[in-house]
PDB file of N, CA and C in Angstrom:
ATOM      1  N   MET A   1      76.301 -88.254 -93.473  1.00  0.00           N
ATOM      2  CA  MET A   1      77.276 -87.181 -93.575  1.00  0.00           C
ATOM      3  C   MET A   1      78.590 -87.771 -94.095  1.00  0.00           C
ATOM      4  N   ALA A   2      79.238 -87.078 -95.000  1.00  0.00           N
ATOM      5  CA  ALA A   2      80.497 -87.543 -95.582  1.00  0.00           C
ATOM      6  C   ALA A   2      81.638 -87.354 -94.589  1.00  0.00           C
ATOM      7  N   ALA A   3      82.592 -88.261 -94.647  1.00  0.00           N
ATOM      8  CA  ALA A   3      83.768 -88.162 -93.772  1.00  0.00           C
ATOM      9  C   ALA A   3      84.685 -87.049 -94.260  1.00  0.00           C
ATOM     10  N   ILE A   4      85.361 -86.409 -93.320  1.00  0.00           N
ATOM     11  CA  ILE A   4      86.307 -85.345 -93.657  1.00  0.00           C
ATOM     12  C   ILE A   4      87.624 -85.985 -94.080  1.00  0.00           C
ATOM     13  N   SER A   5      88.138 -85.526 -95.186  1.00  0.00           N
ATOM     14  CA  SER A   5      89.410 -86.041 -95.690  1.00  0.00           C
ATOM     15  C   SER A   5      90.518 -85.770 -94.678  1.00  0.00           C
ATOM     16  N   PRO A   6      91.450 -86.721 -94.486  1.00  0.00           N
ATOM     17  CA  PRO A   6      92.562 -86.498 -93.558  1.00  0.00           C
ATOM     18  C   PRO A   6      93.429 -85.308 -93.959  1.00  0.00           C
ATOM     19  N   ILE A   7      93.391 -84.965 -95.230  1.00  0.00           N
ATOM     20  CA  ILE A   7      94.175 -83.815 -95.704  1.00  0.00           C
ATOM     21  C   ILE A   7      93.683 -82.535 -95.039  1.00  0.00           C
ATOM     22  N   TYR A   8      92.373 -82.436 -94.856  1.00  0.00           N
ATOM     23  CA  TYR A   8      91.783 -81.217 -94.320  1.00  0.00           C
ATOM     24  C   TYR A   8      91.428 -81.297 -92.841  1.00  0.00           C
ATOM     25  N   SER A   9      91.621 -82.423 -92.217  1.00  0.00           N
ATOM     26  CA  SER A   9      91.170 -82.589 -90.836  1.00  0.00           C
ATOM     27  C   SER A   9      91.873 -81.650 -89.851  1.00  0.00           C
ATOM     28  N   HIS A  10      93.101 -81.258 -90.142  1.00  0.00           N
ATOM     29  CA  HIS A  10      93.832 -80.376 -89.229  1.00  0.00           C
ATOM     30  C   HIS A  10      93.918 -78.942 -89.754  1.00  0.00           C
ATOM     31  N   ALA A  11      93.318 -78.696 -90.901  1.00  0.00           N
ATOM     32  CA  ALA A  11      93.353 -77.356 -91.489  1.00  0.00           C
ATOM     33  C   ALA A  11      92.416 -76.437 -90.715  1.00  0.00           C
ATOM     34  N   ARG A  12      92.792 -75.191 -90.655  1.00  0.00           N
ATOM     35  CA  ARG A  12      91.905 -74.202 -90.055  1.00  0.00           C
ATOM     36  C   ARG A  12      91.886 -72.986 -90.966  1.00  0.00           C
ATOM     37  N   GLN A  13      90.800 -72.299 -90.948  1.00  0.00           N
ATOM     38  CA  GLN A  13      90.677 -71.114 -91.782  1.00  0.00           C
ATOM     39  C   GLN A  13      91.353 -69.947 -91.073  1.00  0.00           C
ATOM     40  N   ARG A  14      92.209 -69.245 -91.810  1.00  0.00           N
ATOM     41  CA  ARG A  14      92.891 -68.086 -91.232  1.00  0.00           C
ATOM     42  C   ARG A  14      92.056 -66.840 -91.480  1.00  0.00           C
ATOM     43  N   ASP A  15      92.130 -65.889 -90.556  1.00  0.00           N
ATOM     44  CA  ASP A  15      91.382 -64.660 -90.750  1.00  0.00           C
ATOM     45  C   ASP A  15      92.140 -63.728 -91.698  1.00  0.00           C
ATOM     46  N   ALA A  16      91.468 -62.676 -92.128  1.00  0.00           N
ATOM     47  CA  ALA A  16      92.031 -61.747 -93.109  1.00  0.00           C
ATOM     48  C   ALA A  16      93.317 -61.101 -92.599  1.00  0.00           C
ATOM     49  N   PHE A  17      93.375 -60.779 -91.307  1.00  0.00           N
ATOM     50  CA  PHE A  17      94.579 -60.162 -90.758  1.00  0.00           C
ATOM     51  C   PHE A  17      95.775 -61.093 -90.899  1.00  0.00           C
ATOM     52  N   GLU A  18      95.590 -62.368 -90.566  1.00  0.00           N
ATOM     53  CA  GLU A  18      96.688 -63.338 -90.679  1.00  0.00           C
ATOM     54  C   GLU A  18      97.149 -63.477 -92.127  1.00  0.00           C
ATOM     55  N   LEU A  19      96.203 -63.540 -93.049  1.00  0.00           N
ATOM     56  CA  LEU A  19      96.563 -63.657 -94.462  1.00  0.00           C
ATOM     57  C   LEU A  19      97.352 -62.439 -94.939  1.00  0.00           C
ATOM     58  N   ALA A  20      96.889 -61.250 -94.555  1.00  0.00           N
ATOM     59  CA  ALA A  20      97.579 -60.024 -94.956  1.00  0.00           C
ATOM     60  C   ALA A  20      98.977 -59.951 -94.342  1.00  0.00           C
ATOM     61  N   ARG A  21      99.078 -60.263 -93.055  1.00  0.00           N
ATOM     62  CA  ARG A  21     100.375 -60.236 -92.365  1.00  0.00           C
ATOM     63  C   ARG A  21     101.345 -61.228 -92.990  1.00  0.00           C
ATOM     64  N   ASP A  22     100.889 -62.454 -93.210  1.00  0.00           N
ATOM     65  CA  ASP A  22     101.772 -63.468 -93.785  1.00  0.00           C
ATOM     66  C   ASP A  22     102.136 -63.152 -95.228  1.00  0.00           C
ATOM     67  N   GLY A  23     101.206 -62.577 -95.977  1.00  0.00           N
ATOM     68  CA  GLY A  23     101.508 -62.165 -97.351  1.00  0.00           C
ATOM     69  C   GLY A  23     102.636 -61.145 -97.382  1.00  0.00           C
ATOM     70  N   TRP A  24     102.620 -60.209 -96.440  1.00  0.00           N
ATOM     71  CA  TRP A  24     103.669 -59.199 -96.366  1.00  0.00           C
ATOM     72  C   TRP A  24     104.995 -59.812 -95.932  1.00  0.00           C
ATOM     73  N   ARG A  25     104.957 -60.588 -94.874  1.00  0.00           N
ATOM     74  CA  ARG A  25     106.187 -61.151 -94.308  1.00  0.00           C
ATOM     75  C   ARG A  25     106.845 -62.175 -95.228  1.00  0.00           C
ATOM     76  N   GLN A  26     106.044 -62.963 -95.915  1.00  0.00           N
ATOM     77  CA  GLN A  26     106.594 -64.053 -96.719  1.00  0.00           C
ATOM     78  C   GLN A  26     106.810 -63.695 -98.179  1.00  0.00           C
ATOM     79  N   ARG A  27     105.994 -62.798 -98.723  1.00  0.00           N
ATOM     80  CA  ARG A  27     106.040 -62.520-100.161  1.00  0.00           C
ATOM     81  C   ARG A  27     106.233 -61.045-100.525  1.00  0.00           C
ATOM     82  N   GLY A  28     106.164 -60.178 -99.522  1.00  0.00           N
ATOM     83  CA  GLY A  28     106.276 -58.751 -99.817  1.00  0.00           C
ATOM     84  C   GLY A  28     105.034 -58.193-100.491  1.00  0.00           C
ATOM     85  N   ILE A  29     103.883 -58.849-100.270  1.00  0.00           N
ATOM     86  CA  ILE A  29     102.618 -58.402-100.850  1.00  0.00           C
ATOM     87  C   ILE A  29     101.855 -57.643 -99.768  1.00  0.00           C
ATOM     88  N   LEU A  30     101.465 -56.419-100.066  1.00  0.00           N
ATOM     89  CA  LEU A  30     100.754 -55.593 -99.100  1.00  0.00           C
ATOM     90  C   LEU A  30      99.267 -55.594 -99.435  1.00  0.00           C
ATOM     91  N   ALA A  31      98.455 -56.016 -98.491  1.00  0.00           N
ATOM     92  CA  ALA A  31      96.997 -55.986 -98.628  1.00  0.00           C
ATOM     93  C   ALA A  31      96.468 -55.067 -97.537  1.00  0.00           C
ATOM     94  N   VAL A  32      95.939 -53.933 -97.935  1.00  0.00           N
ATOM     95  CA  VAL A  32      95.461 -52.962 -96.954  1.00  0.00           C
ATOM     96  C   VAL A  32      94.189 -52.302 -97.467  1.00  0.00           C
ATOM     97  N   SER A  33      93.283 -52.054 -96.555  1.00  0.00           N
ATOM     98  CA  SER A  33      92.034 -51.397 -96.901  1.00  0.00           C
ATOM     99  C   SER A  33      92.192 -49.891 -96.726  1.00  0.00           C
ATOM    100  N   PRO A  34      91.642 -49.094 -97.648  1.00  0.00           N
ATOM    101  CA  PRO A  34      91.692 -47.640 -97.468  1.00  0.00           C
ATOM    102  C   PRO A  34      90.829 -47.166 -96.301  1.00  0.00           C
ATOM    103  N   SER A  35      90.085 -48.056 -95.682  1.00  0.00           N
ATOM    104  CA  SER A  35      89.289 -47.675 -94.512  1.00  0.00           C
ATOM    105  C   SER A  35      89.922 -48.159 -93.207  1.00  0.00           C
ATOM    106  N   ASP A  36      91.144 -48.667 -93.257  1.00  0.00           N
ATOM    107  CA  ASP A  36      91.840 -49.162 -92.058  1.00  0.00           C
ATOM    108  C   ASP A  36      92.151 -47.988 -91.134  1.00  0.00           C
ATOM    109  N   ARG A  37      91.524 -47.977 -89.961  1.00  0.00           N
ATOM    110  CA  ARG A  37      91.663 -46.853 -89.026  1.00  0.00           C
ATOM    111  C   ARG A  37      93.009 -46.807 -88.318  1.00  0.00           C
ATOM    112  N   ARG A  38      93.860 -47.811 -88.541  1.00  0.00           N
ATOM    113  CA  ARG A  38      95.219 -47.739 -87.986  1.00  0.00           C
ATOM    114  C   ARG A  38      96.072 -46.756 -88.777  1.00  0.00           C
ATOM    115  N   LEU A  39      95.602 -46.386 -89.958  1.00  0.00           N
ATOM    116  CA  LEU A  39      96.331 -45.455 -90.823  1.00  0.00           C
ATOM    117  C   LEU A  39      95.809 -44.038 -90.626  1.00  0.00           C
ATOM    118  N   SER A  40      96.683 -43.065 -90.885  1.00  0.00           N
ATOM    119  CA  SER A  40      96.257 -41.663 -90.823  1.00  0.00           C
ATOM    120  C   SER A  40      95.375 -41.358 -92.035  1.00  0.00           C
ATOM    121  N   PHE A  41      94.705 -40.234 -91.994  1.00  0.00           N
ATOM    122  CA  PHE A  41      93.873 -39.822 -93.128  1.00  0.00           C
ATOM    123  C   PHE A  41      94.692 -39.772 -94.408  1.00  0.00           C
ATOM    124  N   SER A  42      95.877 -39.177 -94.352  1.00  0.00           N
ATOM    125  CA  SER A  42      96.691 -39.048 -95.570  1.00  0.00           C
ATOM    126  C   SER A  42      97.169 -40.412 -96.082  1.00  0.00           C
ATOM    127  N   GLU A  43      97.457 -41.344 -95.169  1.00  0.00           N
ATOM    128  CA  GLU A  43      97.854 -42.690 -95.591  1.00  0.00           C
ATOM    129  C   GLU A  43      96.684 -43.414 -96.257  1.00  0.00           C
ATOM    130  N   ARG A  44      95.476 -43.282 -95.677  1.00  0.00           N
ATOM    131  CA  ARG A  44      94.290 -43.905 -96.275  1.00  0.00           C
ATOM    132  C   ARG A  44      94.004 -43.309 -97.646  1.00  0.00           C
ATOM    133  N   GLU A  45      94.163 -42.013 -97.794  1.00  0.00           N
ATOM    134  CA  GLU A  45      93.932 -41.353 -99.081  1.00  0.00           C
ATOM    135  C   GLU A  45      94.965 -41.821-100.109  1.00  0.00           C
ATOM    136  N   PHE A  46      96.214 -41.970 -99.691  1.00  0.00           N
ATOM    137  CA  PHE A  46      97.255 -42.468-100.589  1.00  0.00           C
ATOM    138  C   PHE A  46      96.919 -43.876-101.078  1.00  0.00           C
ATOM    139  N   ILE A  47      96.470 -44.750-100.175  1.00  0.00           N
ATOM    140  CA  ILE A  47      96.099 -46.120-100.541  1.00  0.00           C
ATOM    141  C   ILE A  47      94.962 -46.094-101.556  1.00  0.00           C
ATOM    142  N   ARG A  48      93.960 -45.260-101.316  1.00  0.00           N
ATOM    143  CA  ARG A  48      92.832 -45.146-102.247  1.00  0.00           C
ATOM    144  C   ARG A  48      93.299 -44.689-103.621  1.00  0.00           C
ATOM    145  N   GLU A  49      94.139 -43.644-103.662  1.00  0.00           N
ATOM    146  CA  GLU A  49      94.643 -43.132-104.934  1.00  0.00           C
ATOM    147  C   GLU A  49      95.494 -44.168-105.657  1.00  0.00           C
ATOM    148  N   LEU A  50      96.326 -44.878-104.923  1.00  0.00           N
ATOM    149  CA  LEU A  50      97.167 -45.913-105.519  1.00  0.00           C
ATOM    150  C   LEU A  50      96.309 -47.042-106.099  1.00  0.00           C
ATOM    151  N   GLY A  51      95.305 -47.479-105.352  1.00  0.00           N
ATOM    152  CA  GLY A  51      94.399 -48.519-105.842  1.00  0.00           C
ATOM    153  C   GLY A  51      93.678 -48.088-107.105  1.00  0.00           C
ATOM    154  N   GLU A  52      93.212 -46.837-107.148  1.00  0.00           N
ATOM    155  CA  GLU A  52      92.533 -46.337-108.342  1.00  0.00           C
ATOM    156  C   GLU A  52      93.484 -46.248-109.527  1.00  0.00           C
ATOM    157  N   ARG A  53      94.716 -45.854-109.277  1.00  0.00           N
ATOM    158  CA  ARG A  53      95.699 -45.757-110.368  1.00  0.00           C
ATOM    159  C   ARG A  53      95.991 -47.139-110.950  1.00  0.00           C
ATOM    160  N   LEU A  54      96.147 -48.132-110.074  1.00  0.00           N
ATOM    161  CA  LEU A  54      96.504 -49.471-110.538  1.00  0.00           C
ATOM    162  C   LEU A  54      95.318 -50.262-111.074  1.00  0.00           C
ATOM    163  N   TYR A  55      94.147 -50.103-110.451  1.00  0.00           N
ATOM    164  CA  TYR A  55      93.018 -50.991-110.751  1.00  0.00           C
ATOM    165  C   TYR A  55      91.743 -50.286-111.175  1.00  0.00           C
ATOM    166  N   GLY A  56      91.747 -48.962-111.243  1.00  0.00           N
ATOM    167  CA  GLY A  56      90.548 -48.223-111.611  1.00  0.00           C
ATOM    168  C   GLY A  56      89.733 -47.861-110.377  1.00  0.00           C
ATOM    169  N   SER A  57      88.701 -47.085-110.588  1.00  0.00           N
ATOM    170  CA  SER A  57      87.846 -46.634-109.490  1.00  0.00           C
ATOM    171  C   SER A  57      87.061 -47.788-108.906  1.00  0.00           C
ATOM    172  N   GLU A  58      86.724 -47.665-107.621  1.00  0.00           N
ATOM    173  CA  GLU A  58      85.898 -48.676-106.962  1.00  0.00           C
ATOM    174  C   GLU A  58      84.558 -48.767-107.675  1.00  0.00           C
ATOM    175  N   GLY A  59      84.036 -49.981-107.773  1.00  0.00           N
ATOM    176  CA  GLY A  59      82.718 -50.170-108.359  1.00  0.00           C
ATOM    177  C   GLY A  59      82.686 -50.157-109.873  1.00  0.00           C
ATOM    178  N   ARG A  60      83.839 -50.180-110.541  1.00  0.00           N
ATOM    179  CA  ARG A  60      83.868 -50.174-111.995  1.00  0.00           C
ATOM    180  C   ARG A  60      84.028 -51.575-112.575  1.00  0.00           C
ATOM    181  N   GLY A  61      83.850 -52.585-111.765  1.00  0.00           N
ATOM    182  CA  GLY A  61      83.849 -53.944-112.275  1.00  0.00           C
ATOM    183  C   GLY A  61      85.188 -54.449-112.752  1.00  0.00           C
ATOM    184  N   GLY A  62      86.265 -54.119-112.051  1.00  0.00           N
ATOM    185  CA  GLY A  62      87.556 -54.696-112.366  1.00  0.00           C
ATOM    186  C   GLY A  62      88.342 -53.977-113.449  1.00  0.00           C
ATOM    187  N   ALA A  63      88.036 -52.736-113.704  1.00  0.00           N
ATOM    188  CA  ALA A  63      88.826 -51.987-114.696  1.00  0.00           C
ATOM    189  C   ALA A  63      90.252 -51.852-114.198  1.00  0.00           C
ATOM    190  N   HIS A  64      91.197 -51.987-115.079  1.00  0.00           N
ATOM    191  CA  HIS A  64      92.610 -51.925-114.716  1.00  0.00           C
ATOM    192  C   HIS A  64      93.254 -50.684-115.314  1.00  0.00           C
ATOM    193  N   GLY A  65      94.218 -50.162-114.567  1.00  0.00           N
ATOM    194  CA  GLY A  65      94.980 -49.036-115.069  1.00  0.00           C
ATOM    195  C   GLY A  65      96.065 -49.489-116.022  1.00  0.00           C
ATOM    196  N   SER A  66      96.831 -48.568-116.482  1.00  0.00           N
ATOM    197  CA  SER A  66      97.929 -48.858-117.408  1.00  0.00           C
ATOM    198  C   SER A  66      98.983 -49.715-116.733  1.00  0.00           C
ATOM    199  N   ARG A  67      99.621 -50.572-117.479  1.00  0.00           N
ATOM    200  CA  ARG A  67     100.688 -51.420-116.941  1.00  0.00           C
ATOM    201  C   ARG A  67     102.061 -50.878-117.289  1.00  0.00           C
ATOM    202  N   SER A  68     102.174 -49.648-117.656  1.00  0.00           N
ATOM    203  CA  SER A  68     103.485 -49.103-118.011  1.00  0.00           C
ATOM    204  C   SER A  68     104.272 -48.687-116.812  1.00  0.00           C
TER     205      SER A  68
END
């Protein structure tokens, strides 16, 4: 078995919640799922519509909306 590099010996994998929280707090980047049950129906629908406007419909293989 190969030895673990000292660079990674103290690293730990962060969960998705931690990454999303830190992205918001440190960079102002919001990562939210349209299925997040902490949001109201109208908030989830807004997130879905915003995602489709910016990146295209789900399942379209990365189609992007206009950058204007």
